[in-house]
Amino acid sequence: MFSRELKKGSTELLILALLEPRPRHGYELGKLIETRSGGRLRLRVGSLYPILCRLEERSLITGRWVEKPGERRRRFYRLTAKGRHMLAEQRGVWQEFIGAVNQILGGEHA
């Protein structure tokens, strides 16, 4: 498991990236993060839904309730145009950050 501080700064970016291809509900987002990270990243429900609310308040995502016969009602979230723009911007920032960290970690020893 990674430290909470390390995860804290990247969770919004992960959620936006997972919503890029299609709308998803909260439980699915949490499971995808866990699965795609090989179990190294896990979000508790108590952490995930406040993040989704913050993203929605900032108009980066929008949610709507969907009811299907025989299933419980779920809130599906999708990326907004503003969210797509933010995701593209943050991907670039993330790549620069990773590059800088890798230069320091793998750099020459003085």
PDB file of N, CA and C in Angstrom:
ATOM      1  N   MET A   1       0.835  -1.187   0.000  1.00  0.00           N
ATOM      2  CA  MET A   1       0.000   0.000   0.000  1.00  0.00           C
ATOM      3  C   MET A   1       0.880   1.251   0.000  1.00  0.00           C
ATOM      4  N   PHE A   2       0.395   2.275  -0.653  1.00  0.00           N
ATOM      5  CA  PHE A   2       1.104   3.541  -0.691  1.00  0.00           C
ATOM      6  C   PHE A   2       0.592   4.435   0.426  1.00  0.00           C
ATOM      7  N   SER A   3       1.367   5.418   0.802  1.00  0.00           N
ATOM      8  CA  SER A   3       0.964   6.317   1.869  1.00  0.00           C
ATOM      9  C   SER A   3      -0.260   7.124   1.456  1.00  0.00           C
ATOM     10  N   ARG A   4      -1.028   7.544   2.448  1.00  0.00           N
ATOM     11  CA  ARG A   4      -2.229   8.337   2.179  1.00  0.00           C
ATOM     12  C   ARG A   4      -1.879   9.645   1.485  1.00  0.00           C
ATOM     13  N   GLU A   5      -0.779  10.248   1.869  1.00  0.00           N
ATOM     14  CA  GLU A   5      -0.387  11.528   1.278  1.00  0.00           C
ATOM     15  C   GLU A   5      -0.067  11.381  -0.208  1.00  0.00           C
ATOM     16  N   LEU A   6       0.581  10.293  -0.554  1.00  0.00           N
ATOM     17  CA  LEU A   6       0.924  10.064  -1.955  1.00  0.00           C
ATOM     18  C   LEU A   6      -0.345   9.860  -2.785  1.00  0.00           C
ATOM     19  N   LYS A   7      -1.303   9.104  -2.244  1.00  0.00           N
ATOM     20  CA  LYS A   7      -2.555   8.850  -2.962  1.00  0.00           C
ATOM     21  C   LYS A   7      -3.427  10.095  -3.046  1.00  0.00           C
ATOM     22  N   LYS A   8      -3.380  10.903  -2.016  1.00  0.00           N
ATOM     23  CA  LYS A   8      -4.279  12.050  -1.906  1.00  0.00           C
ATOM     24  C   LYS A   8      -4.223  12.969  -3.126  1.00  0.00           C
ATOM     25  N   GLY A   9      -3.046  13.243  -3.600  1.00  0.00           N
ATOM     26  CA  GLY A   9      -2.897  14.176  -4.713  1.00  0.00           C
ATOM     27  C   GLY A   9      -3.261  13.619  -6.074  1.00  0.00           C
ATOM     28  N   SER A  10      -3.388  12.314  -6.186  1.00  0.00           N
ATOM     29  CA  SER A  10      -3.624  11.718  -7.502  1.00  0.00           C
ATOM     30  C   SER A  10      -5.028  11.144  -7.687  1.00  0.00           C
ATOM     31  N   THR A  11      -5.802  11.051  -6.644  1.00  0.00           N
ATOM     32  CA  THR A  11      -7.107  10.391  -6.728  1.00  0.00           C
ATOM     33  C   THR A  11      -8.053  11.077  -7.704  1.00  0.00           C
ATOM     34  N   GLU A  12      -8.132  12.386  -7.682  1.00  0.00           N
ATOM     35  CA  GLU A  12      -9.017  13.096  -8.614  1.00  0.00           C
ATOM     36  C   GLU A  12      -8.610  12.820 -10.051  1.00  0.00           C
ATOM     37  N   LEU A  13      -7.320  12.824 -10.316  1.00  0.00           N
ATOM     38  CA  LEU A  13      -6.825  12.552 -11.666  1.00  0.00           C
ATOM     39  C   LEU A  13      -7.210  11.136 -12.107  1.00  0.00           C
ATOM     40  N   LEU A  14      -7.093  10.172 -11.210  1.00  0.00           N
ATOM     41  CA  LEU A  14      -7.459   8.798 -11.540  1.00  0.00           C
ATOM     42  C   LEU A  14      -8.943   8.690 -11.877  1.00  0.00           C
ATOM     43  N   ILE A  15      -9.774   9.346 -11.089  1.00  0.00           N
ATOM     44  CA  ILE A  15     -11.222   9.304 -11.335  1.00  0.00           C
ATOM     45  C   ILE A  15     -11.564   9.940 -12.677  1.00  0.00           C
ATOM     46  N   LEU A  16     -10.993  11.097 -12.958  1.00  0.00           N
ATOM     47  CA  LEU A  16     -11.256  11.751 -14.239  1.00  0.00           C
ATOM     48  C   LEU A  16     -10.833  10.856 -15.406  1.00  0.00           C
ATOM     49  N   ALA A  17      -9.678  10.211 -15.272  1.00  0.00           N
ATOM     50  CA  ALA A  17      -9.185   9.344 -16.345  1.00  0.00           C
ATOM     51  C   ALA A  17     -10.109   8.145 -16.568  1.00  0.00           C
ATOM     52  N   LEU A  18     -10.649   7.587 -15.490  1.00  0.00           N
ATOM     53  CA  LEU A  18     -11.542   6.431 -15.623  1.00  0.00           C
ATOM     54  C   LEU A  18     -12.902   6.818 -16.203  1.00  0.00           C
ATOM     55  N   LEU A  19     -13.277   8.073 -16.055  1.00  0.00           N
ATOM     56  CA  LEU A  19     -14.545   8.535 -16.620  1.00  0.00           C
ATOM     57  C   LEU A  19     -14.399   8.994 -18.070  1.00  0.00           C
ATOM     58  N   GLU A  20     -13.178   9.106 -18.539  1.00  0.00           N
ATOM     59  CA  GLU A  20     -12.960   9.591 -19.909  1.00  0.00           C
ATOM     60  C   GLU A  20     -13.643   8.714 -20.968  1.00  0.00           C
ATOM     61  N   PRO A  21     -13.504   7.400 -20.914  1.00  0.00           N
ATOM     62  CA  PRO A  21     -14.123   6.599 -21.982  1.00  0.00           C
ATOM     63  C   PRO A  21     -15.642   6.495 -21.892  1.00  0.00           C
ATOM     64  N   ARG A  22     -16.198   6.480 -20.655  1.00  0.00           N
ATOM     65  CA  ARG A  22     -17.652   6.313 -20.528  1.00  0.00           C
ATOM     66  C   ARG A  22     -18.087   6.605 -19.094  1.00  0.00           C
ATOM     67  N   PRO A  23     -19.388   6.857 -18.914  1.00  0.00           N
ATOM     68  CA  PRO A  23     -19.897   7.075 -17.555  1.00  0.00           C
ATOM     69  C   PRO A  23     -19.760   5.813 -16.704  1.00  0.00           C
ATOM     70  N   ARG A  24     -19.544   6.014 -15.408  1.00  0.00           N
ATOM     71  CA  ARG A  24     -19.409   4.901 -14.463  1.00  0.00           C
ATOM     72  C   ARG A  24     -20.037   5.299 -13.139  1.00  0.00           C
ATOM     73  N   HIS A  25     -20.406   4.314 -12.348  1.00  0.00           N
ATOM     74  CA  HIS A  25     -20.919   4.607 -11.012  1.00  0.00           C
ATOM     75  C   HIS A  25     -19.780   4.491  -9.999  1.00  0.00           C
ATOM     76  N   GLY A  26     -20.009   5.035  -8.825  1.00  0.00           N
ATOM     77  CA  GLY A  26     -18.960   5.126  -7.814  1.00  0.00           C
ATOM     78  C   GLY A  26     -18.319   3.810  -7.449  1.00  0.00           C
ATOM     79  N   TYR A  27     -19.131   2.782  -7.209  1.00  0.00           N
ATOM     80  CA  TYR A  27     -18.582   1.479  -6.826  1.00  0.00           C
ATOM     81  C   TYR A  27     -17.652   0.956  -7.918  1.00  0.00           C
ATOM     82  N   GLU A  28     -18.073   1.110  -9.173  1.00  0.00           N
ATOM     83  CA  GLU A  28     -17.252   0.662 -10.300  1.00  0.00           C
ATOM     84  C   GLU A  28     -15.921   1.412 -10.338  1.00  0.00           C
ATOM     85  N   LEU A  29     -15.955   2.707 -10.085  1.00  0.00           N
ATOM     86  CA  LEU A  29     -14.717   3.499 -10.063  1.00  0.00           C
ATOM     87  C   LEU A  29     -13.752   2.969  -9.010  1.00  0.00           C
ATOM     88  N   GLY A  30     -14.268   2.732  -7.814  1.00  0.00           N
ATOM     89  CA  GLY A  30     -13.427   2.212  -6.736  1.00  0.00           C
ATOM     90  C   GLY A  30     -12.820   0.863  -7.081  1.00  0.00           C
ATOM     91  N   LYS A  31     -13.634  -0.015  -7.658  1.00  0.00           N
ATOM     92  CA  LYS A  31     -13.150  -1.347  -8.030  1.00  0.00           C
ATOM     93  C   LYS A  31     -12.108  -1.273  -9.149  1.00  0.00           C
ATOM     94  N   LEU A  32     -12.327  -0.389 -10.127  1.00  0.00           N
ATOM     95  CA  LEU A  32     -11.357  -0.243 -11.219  1.00  0.00           C
ATOM     96  C   LEU A  32     -10.008   0.255 -10.709  1.00  0.00           C
ATOM     97  N   ILE A  33     -10.038   1.200  -9.799  1.00  0.00           N
ATOM     98  CA  ILE A  33      -8.780   1.715  -9.232  1.00  0.00           C
ATOM     99  C   ILE A  33      -8.045   0.584  -8.525  1.00  0.00           C
ATOM    100  N   GLU A  34      -8.761  -0.187  -7.754  1.00  0.00           N
ATOM    101  CA  GLU A  34      -8.140  -1.305  -7.044  1.00  0.00           C
ATOM    102  C   GLU A  34      -7.608  -2.363  -8.015  1.00  0.00           C
ATOM    103  N   THR A  35      -8.410  -2.745  -8.997  1.00  0.00           N
ATOM    104  CA  THR A  35      -8.021  -3.784  -9.947  1.00  0.00           C
ATOM    105  C   THR A  35      -6.842  -3.355 -10.805  1.00  0.00           C
ATOM    106  N   ARG A  36      -6.943  -2.170 -11.384  1.00  0.00           N
ATOM    107  CA  ARG A  36      -5.877  -1.714 -12.301  1.00  0.00           C
ATOM    108  C   ARG A  36      -4.571  -1.409 -11.577  1.00  0.00           C
ATOM    109  N   SER A  37      -4.630  -1.188 -10.279  1.00  0.00           N
ATOM    110  CA  SER A  37      -3.398  -0.943  -9.516  1.00  0.00           C
ATOM    111  C   SER A  37      -2.865  -2.234  -8.906  1.00  0.00           C
ATOM    112  N   GLY A  38      -3.480  -3.352  -9.250  1.00  0.00           N
ATOM    113  CA  GLY A  38      -3.040  -4.625  -8.688  1.00  0.00           C
ATOM    114  C   GLY A  38      -3.280  -4.703  -7.190  1.00  0.00           C
ATOM    115  N   GLY A  39      -4.296  -3.975  -6.719  1.00  0.00           N
ATOM    116  CA  GLY A  39      -4.625  -3.989  -5.299  1.00  0.00           C
ATOM    117  C   GLY A  39      -3.806  -3.033  -4.450  1.00  0.00           C
ATOM    118  N   ARG A  40      -2.905  -2.297  -5.072  1.00  0.00           N
ATOM    119  CA  ARG A  40      -2.045  -1.374  -4.306  1.00  0.00           C
ATOM    120  C   ARG A  40      -2.749  -0.081  -3.947  1.00  0.00           C
ATOM    121  N   LEU A  41      -3.793   0.272  -4.689  1.00  0.00           N
ATOM    122  CA  LEU A  41      -4.569   1.469  -4.372  1.00  0.00           C
ATOM    123  C   LEU A  41      -5.996   1.051  -4.080  1.00  0.00           C
ATOM    124  N   ARG A  42      -6.493   1.462  -2.930  1.00  0.00           N
ATOM    125  CA  ARG A  42      -7.880   1.167  -2.559  1.00  0.00           C
ATOM    126  C   ARG A  42      -8.507   2.441  -2.010  1.00  0.00           C
ATOM    127  N   LEU A  43      -9.729   2.692  -2.435  1.00  0.00           N
ATOM    128  CA  LEU A  43     -10.466   3.849  -1.925  1.00  0.00           C
ATOM    129  C   LEU A  43     -11.640   3.350  -1.103  1.00  0.00           C
ATOM    130  N   ARG A  44     -11.719   3.833   0.105  1.00  0.00           N
ATOM    131  CA  ARG A  44     -12.886   3.513   0.924  1.00  0.00           C
ATOM    132  C   ARG A  44     -14.061   4.335   0.420  1.00  0.00           C
ATOM    133  N   VAL A  45     -15.251   3.779   0.588  1.00  0.00           N
ATOM    134  CA  VAL A  45     -16.473   4.475   0.162  1.00  0.00           C
ATOM    135  C   VAL A  45     -16.539   5.850   0.815  1.00  0.00           C
ATOM    136  N   GLY A  46     -16.126   5.926   2.072  1.00  0.00           N
ATOM    137  CA  GLY A  46     -16.147   7.192   2.798  1.00  0.00           C
ATOM    138  C   GLY A  46     -15.209   8.236   2.220  1.00  0.00           C
ATOM    139  N   SER A  47     -14.246   7.811   1.435  1.00  0.00           N
ATOM    140  CA  SER A  47     -13.319   8.738   0.772  1.00  0.00           C
ATOM    141  C   SER A  47     -13.758   9.043  -0.655  1.00  0.00           C
ATOM    142  N   LEU A  48     -14.271   8.024  -1.338  1.00  0.00           N
ATOM    143  CA  LEU A  48     -14.605   8.163  -2.760  1.00  0.00           C
ATOM    144  C   LEU A  48     -15.756   9.138  -3.012  1.00  0.00           C
ATOM    145  N   TYR A  49     -16.840   8.990  -2.289  1.00  0.00           N
ATOM    146  CA  TYR A  49     -18.021   9.807  -2.590  1.00  0.00           C
ATOM    147  C   TYR A  49     -17.830  11.298  -2.303  1.00  0.00           C
ATOM    148  N   PRO A  50     -17.117  11.675  -1.256  1.00  0.00           N
ATOM    149  CA  PRO A  50     -16.833  13.109  -1.104  1.00  0.00           C
ATOM    150  C   PRO A  50     -15.998  13.680  -2.258  1.00  0.00           C
ATOM    151  N   ILE A  51     -15.093  12.871  -2.801  1.00  0.00           N
ATOM    152  CA  ILE A  51     -14.285  13.316  -3.943  1.00  0.00           C
ATOM    153  C   ILE A  51     -15.189  13.508  -5.156  1.00  0.00           C
ATOM    154  N   LEU A  52     -16.097  12.557  -5.386  1.00  0.00           N
ATOM    155  CA  LEU A  52     -17.036  12.687  -6.501  1.00  0.00           C
ATOM    156  C   LEU A  52     -17.897  13.937  -6.339  1.00  0.00           C
ATOM    157  N   CYS A  53     -18.338  14.216  -5.123  1.00  0.00           N
ATOM    158  CA  CYS A  53     -19.130  15.433  -4.868  1.00  0.00           C
ATOM    159  C   CYS A  53     -18.323  16.687  -5.162  1.00  0.00           C
ATOM    160  N   ARG A  54     -17.063  16.714  -4.744  1.00  0.00           N
ATOM    161  CA  ARG A  54     -16.205  17.885  -5.014  1.00  0.00           C
ATOM    162  C   ARG A  54     -15.999  18.083  -6.513  1.00  0.00           C
ATOM    163  N   LEU A  55     -15.758  16.983  -7.226  1.00  0.00           N
ATOM    164  CA  LEU A  55     -15.574  17.083  -8.679  1.00  0.00           C
ATOM    165  C   LEU A  55     -16.839  17.589  -9.358  1.00  0.00           C
ATOM    166  N   GLU A  56     -17.986  17.158  -8.835  1.00  0.00           N
ATOM    167  CA  GLU A  56     -19.259  17.607  -9.398  1.00  0.00           C
ATOM    168  C   GLU A  56     -19.498  19.084  -9.073  1.00  0.00           C
ATOM    169  N   GLU A  57     -19.170  19.501  -7.870  1.00  0.00           N
ATOM    170  CA  GLU A  57     -19.324  20.915  -7.490  1.00  0.00           C
ATOM    171  C   GLU A  57     -18.454  21.825  -8.352  1.00  0.00           C
ATOM    172  N   ARG A  58     -17.313  21.313  -8.785  1.00  0.00           N
ATOM    173  CA  ARG A  58     -16.399  22.088  -9.630  1.00  0.00           C
ATOM    174  C   ARG A  58     -16.734  21.949 -11.118  1.00  0.00           C
ATOM    175  N   SER A  59     -17.833  21.269 -11.421  1.00  0.00           N
ATOM    176  CA  SER A  59     -18.320  21.055 -12.794  1.00  0.00           C
ATOM    177  C   SER A  59     -17.346  20.274 -13.667  1.00  0.00           C
ATOM    178  N   LEU A  60     -16.528  19.416 -13.054  1.00  0.00           N
ATOM    179  CA  LEU A  60     -15.616  18.577 -13.822  1.00  0.00           C
ATOM    180  C   LEU A  60     -16.294  17.272 -14.222  1.00  0.00           C
ATOM    181  N   ILE A  61     -17.282  16.879 -13.437  1.00  0.00           N
ATOM    182  CA  ILE A  61     -18.091  15.716 -13.759  1.00  0.00           C
ATOM    183  C   ILE A  61     -19.554  16.068 -13.493  1.00  0.00           C
ATOM    184  N   THR A  62     -20.432  15.265 -14.028  1.00  0.00           N
ATOM    185  CA  THR A  62     -21.851  15.426 -13.733  1.00  0.00           C
ATOM    186  C   THR A  62     -22.407  14.040 -13.458  1.00  0.00           C
ATOM    187  N   GLY A  63     -23.365  13.973 -12.543  1.00  0.00           N
ATOM    188  CA  GLY A  63     -23.931  12.684 -12.186  1.00  0.00           C
ATOM    189  C   GLY A  63     -25.426  12.655 -12.428  1.00  0.00           C
ATOM    190  N   ARG A  64     -25.935  11.457 -12.692  1.00  0.00           N
ATOM    191  CA  ARG A  64     -27.385  11.295 -12.823  1.00  0.00           C
ATOM    192  C   ARG A  64     -27.758   9.918 -12.296  1.00  0.00           C
ATOM    193  N   TRP A  65     -28.922   9.862 -11.698  1.00  0.00           N
ATOM    194  CA  TRP A  65     -29.435   8.617 -11.140  1.00  0.00           C
ATOM    195  C   TRP A  65     -30.011   7.764 -12.260  1.00  0.00           C
ATOM    196  N   VAL A  66     -29.700   6.469 -12.230  1.00  0.00           N
ATOM    197  CA  VAL A  66     -30.207   5.525 -13.220  1.00  0.00           C
ATOM    198  C   VAL A  66     -30.853   4.366 -12.468  1.00  0.00           C
ATOM    199  N   GLU A  67     -32.078   4.051 -12.877  1.00  0.00           N
ATOM    200  CA  GLU A  67     -32.792   2.924 -12.292  1.00  0.00           C
ATOM    201  C   GLU A  67     -33.024   1.883 -13.364  1.00  0.00           C
ATOM    202  N   LYS A  68     -32.712   0.634 -13.045  1.00  0.00           N
ATOM    203  CA  LYS A  68     -32.952  -0.482 -13.952  1.00  0.00           C
ATOM    204  C   LYS A  68     -33.792  -1.504 -13.202  1.00  0.00           C
ATOM    205  N   PRO A  69     -34.710  -2.141 -13.899  1.00  0.00           N
ATOM    206  CA  PRO A  69     -35.561  -3.139 -13.242  1.00  0.00           C
ATOM    207  C   PRO A  69     -34.725  -4.235 -12.572  1.00  0.00           C
ATOM    208  N   GLY A  70     -35.054  -4.532 -11.337  1.00  0.00           N
ATOM    209  CA  GLY A  70     -34.365  -5.595 -10.610  1.00  0.00           C
ATOM    210  C   GLY A  70     -33.022  -5.193 -10.035  1.00  0.00           C
ATOM    211  N   GLU A  71     -32.627  -3.949 -10.231  1.00  0.00           N
ATOM    212  CA  GLU A  71     -31.344  -3.465  -9.698  1.00  0.00           C
ATOM    213  C   GLU A  71     -31.609  -2.246  -8.833  1.00  0.00           C
ATOM    214  N   ARG A  72     -30.655  -1.970  -7.931  1.00  0.00           N
ATOM    215  CA  ARG A  72     -30.801  -0.767  -7.130  1.00  0.00           C
ATOM    216  C   ARG A  72     -30.419   0.467  -7.941  1.00  0.00           C
ATOM    217  N   ARG A  73     -30.932   1.554  -7.530  1.00  0.00           N
ATOM    218  CA  ARG A  73     -30.665   2.830  -8.202  1.00  0.00           C
ATOM    219  C   ARG A  73     -29.193   3.193  -8.009  1.00  0.00           C
ATOM    220  N   ARG A  74     -28.552   3.647  -9.078  1.00  0.00           N
ATOM    221  CA  ARG A  74     -27.132   4.024  -9.018  1.00  0.00           C
ATOM    222  C   ARG A  74     -26.939   5.399  -9.645  1.00  0.00           C
ATOM    223  N   ARG A  75     -25.941   6.096  -9.136  1.00  0.00           N
ATOM    224  CA  ARG A  75     -25.591   7.402  -9.701  1.00  0.00           C
ATOM    225  C   ARG A  75     -24.395   7.205 -10.620  1.00  0.00           C
ATOM    226  N   PHE A  76     -24.603   7.491 -11.900  1.00  0.00           N
ATOM    227  CA  PHE A  76     -23.537   7.382 -12.892  1.00  0.00           C
ATOM    228  C   PHE A  76     -22.940   8.762 -13.125  1.00  0.00           C
ATOM    229  N   TYR A  77     -21.625   8.802 -13.189  1.00  0.00           N
ATOM    230  CA  TYR A  77     -20.902  10.052 -13.387  1.00  0.00           C
ATOM    231  C   TYR A  77     -20.260  10.049 -14.761  1.00  0.00           C
ATOM    232  N   ARG A  78     -20.231  11.228 -15.371  1.00  0.00           N
ATOM    233  CA  ARG A  78     -19.550  11.367 -16.662  1.00  0.00           C
ATOM    234  C   ARG A  78     -18.714  12.637 -16.636  1.00  0.00           C
ATOM    235  N   LEU A  79     -17.715  12.649 -17.475  1.00  0.00           N
ATOM    236  CA  LEU A  79     -16.822  13.790 -17.595  1.00  0.00           C
ATOM    237  C   LEU A  79     -17.514  14.912 -18.363  1.00  0.00           C
ATOM    238  N   THR A  80     -17.352  16.135 -17.916  1.00  0.00           N
ATOM    239  CA  THR A  80     -17.863  17.293 -18.653  1.00  0.00           C
ATOM    240  C   THR A  80     -16.755  17.813 -19.564  1.00  0.00           C
ATOM    241  N   ALA A  81     -17.085  18.765 -20.407  1.00  0.00           N
ATOM    242  CA  ALA A  81     -16.066  19.377 -21.274  1.00  0.00           C
ATOM    243  C   ALA A  81     -14.971  20.013 -20.412  1.00  0.00           C
ATOM    244  N   LYS A  82     -15.382  20.658 -19.342  1.00  0.00           N
ATOM    245  CA  LYS A  82     -14.414  21.265 -18.424  1.00  0.00           C
ATOM    246  C   LYS A  82     -13.532  20.179 -17.790  1.00  0.00           C
ATOM    247  N   GLY A  83     -14.132  19.042 -17.468  1.00  0.00           N
ATOM    248  CA  GLY A  83     -13.385  17.921 -16.899  1.00  0.00           C
ATOM    249  C   GLY A  83     -12.382  17.344 -17.882  1.00  0.00           C
ATOM    250  N   ARG A  84     -12.781  17.246 -19.154  1.00  0.00           N
ATOM    251  CA  ARG A  84     -11.861  16.743 -20.191  1.00  0.00           C
ATOM    252  C   ARG A  84     -10.654  17.676 -20.348  1.00  0.00           C
ATOM    253  N   HIS A  85     -10.934  18.966 -20.314  1.00  0.00           N
ATOM    254  CA  HIS A  85      -9.855  19.948 -20.421  1.00  0.00           C
ATOM    255  C   HIS A  85      -8.906  19.829 -19.224  1.00  0.00           C
ATOM    256  N   MET A  86      -9.477  19.721 -18.030  1.00  0.00           N
ATOM    257  CA  MET A  86      -8.674  19.596 -16.814  1.00  0.00           C
ATOM    258  C   MET A  86      -7.847  18.313 -16.844  1.00  0.00           C
ATOM    259  N   LEU A  87      -8.447  17.220 -17.299  1.00  0.00           N
ATOM    260  CA  LEU A  87      -7.728  15.946 -17.385  1.00  0.00           C
ATOM    261  C   LEU A  87      -6.533  16.064 -18.320  1.00  0.00           C
ATOM    262  N   ALA A  88      -6.729  16.651 -19.484  1.00  0.00           N
ATOM    263  CA  ALA A  88      -5.625  16.813 -20.438  1.00  0.00           C
ATOM    264  C   ALA A  88      -4.508  17.659 -19.833  1.00  0.00           C
ATOM    265  N   GLU A  89      -4.892  18.727 -19.188  1.00  0.00           N
ATOM    266  CA  GLU A  89      -3.918  19.615 -18.554  1.00  0.00           C
ATOM    267  C   GLU A  89      -3.156  18.885 -17.436  1.00  0.00           C
ATOM    268  N   GLN A  90      -3.880  18.172 -16.593  1.00  0.00           N
ATOM    269  CA  GLN A  90      -3.259  17.494 -15.465  1.00  0.00           C
ATOM    270  C   GLN A  90      -2.400  16.302 -15.889  1.00  0.00           C
ATOM    271  N   ARG A  91      -2.747  15.675 -16.999  1.00  0.00           N
ATOM    272  CA  ARG A  91      -1.887  14.601 -17.515  1.00  0.00           C
ATOM    273  C   ARG A  91      -0.506  15.160 -17.852  1.00  0.00           C
ATOM    274  N   GLY A  92      -0.480  16.326 -18.474  1.00  0.00           N
ATOM    275  CA  GLY A  92       0.794  16.961 -18.808  1.00  0.00           C
ATOM    276  C   GLY A  92       1.587  17.314 -17.567  1.00  0.00           C
ATOM    277  N   VAL A  93       0.903  17.880 -16.586  1.00  0.00           N
ATOM    278  CA  VAL A  93       1.567  18.238 -15.322  1.00  0.00           C
ATOM    279  C   VAL A  93       2.101  16.978 -14.643  1.00  0.00           C
ATOM    280  N   TRP A  94       1.295  15.909 -14.642  1.00  0.00           N
ATOM    281  CA  TRP A  94       1.701  14.651 -14.011  1.00  0.00           C
ATOM    282  C   TRP A  94       2.957  14.091 -14.685  1.00  0.00           C
ATOM    283  N   GLN A  95       2.996  14.128 -16.023  1.00  0.00           N
ATOM    284  CA  GLN A  95       4.160  13.623 -16.751  1.00  0.00           C
ATOM    285  C   GLN A  95       5.414  14.424 -16.410  1.00  0.00           C
ATOM    286  N   GLU A  96       5.266  15.732 -16.307  1.00  0.00           N
ATOM    287  CA  GLU A  96       6.412  16.572 -15.933  1.00  0.00           C
ATOM    288  C   GLU A  96       6.883  16.237 -14.521  1.00  0.00           C
ATOM    289  N   PHE A  97       5.931  16.041 -13.611  1.00  0.00           N
ATOM    290  CA  PHE A  97       6.265  15.710 -12.230  1.00  0.00           C
ATOM    291  C   PHE A  97       6.994  14.367 -12.156  1.00  0.00           C
ATOM    292  N   ILE A  98       6.471  13.368 -12.844  1.00  0.00           N
ATOM    293  CA  ILE A  98       7.095  12.032 -12.847  1.00  0.00           C
ATOM    294  C   ILE A  98       8.509  12.131 -13.421  1.00  0.00           C
ATOM    295  N   GLY A  99       8.657  12.892 -14.500  1.00  0.00           N
ATOM    296  CA  GLY A  99       9.974  13.054 -15.100  1.00  0.00           C
ATOM    297  C   GLY A  99      10.967  13.686 -14.140  1.00  0.00           C
ATOM    298  N   ALA A 100      10.514  14.714 -13.426  1.00  0.00           N
ATOM    299  CA  ALA A 100      11.392  15.383 -12.470  1.00  0.00           C
ATOM    300  C   ALA A 100      11.782  14.448 -11.327  1.00  0.00           C
ATOM    301  N   VAL A 101      10.812  13.703 -10.804  1.00  0.00           N
ATOM    302  CA  VAL A 101      11.092  12.764  -9.711  1.00  0.00           C
ATOM    303  C   VAL A 101      12.054  11.675 -10.190  1.00  0.00           C
ATOM    304  N   ASN A 102      11.817  11.146 -11.381  1.00  0.00           N
ATOM    305  CA  ASN A 102      12.691  10.095 -11.916  1.00  0.00           C
ATOM    306  C   ASN A 102      14.113  10.608 -12.135  1.00  0.00           C
ATOM    307  N   GLN A 103      14.250  11.872 -12.541  1.00  0.00           N
ATOM    308  CA  GLN A 103      15.591  12.442 -12.719  1.00  0.00           C
ATOM    309  C   GLN A 103      16.317  12.482 -11.383  1.00  0.00           C
ATOM    310  N   ILE A 104      15.600  12.813 -10.341  1.00  0.00           N
ATOM    311  CA  ILE A 104      16.223  12.886  -9.012  1.00  0.00           C
ATOM    312  C   ILE A 104      16.520  11.481  -8.492  1.00  0.00           C
ATOM    313  N   LEU A 105      15.580  10.582  -8.592  1.00  0.00           N
ATOM    314  CA  LEU A 105      15.774   9.223  -8.065  1.00  0.00           C
ATOM    315  C   LEU A 105      16.812   8.427  -8.835  1.00  0.00           C
ATOM    316  N   GLY A 106      16.828   8.614 -10.141  1.00  0.00           N
ATOM    317  CA  GLY A 106      17.741   7.827 -10.967  1.00  0.00           C
ATOM    318  C   GLY A 106      18.932   8.614 -11.444  1.00  0.00           C
ATOM    319  N   GLY A 107      19.058   9.840 -10.923  1.00  0.00           N
ATOM    320  CA  GLY A 107      20.136  10.726 -11.385  1.00  0.00           C
ATOM    321  C   GLY A 107      21.496  10.317 -10.860  1.00  0.00           C
ATOM    322  N   GLU A 108      22.480  11.061 -11.317  1.00  0.00           N
ATOM    323  CA  GLU A 108      23.866  10.803 -10.904  1.00  0.00           C
ATOM    324  C   GLU A 108      24.022  11.193  -9.438  1.00  0.00           C
ATOM    325  N   HIS A 109      24.892  10.442  -8.763  1.00  0.00           N
ATOM    326  CA  HIS A 109      25.175  10.757  -7.357  1.00  0.00           C
ATOM    327  C   HIS A 109      26.390  11.666  -7.313  1.00  0.00           C
ATOM    328  N   ALA A 110      26.227  12.777  -6.640  1.00  0.00           N
ATOM    329  CA  ALA A 110      27.312  13.768  -6.579  1.00  0.00           C
ATOM    330  C   ALA A 110      28.338  13.401  -5.539  1.00  0.00           C
TER     331      ALA A 110
END
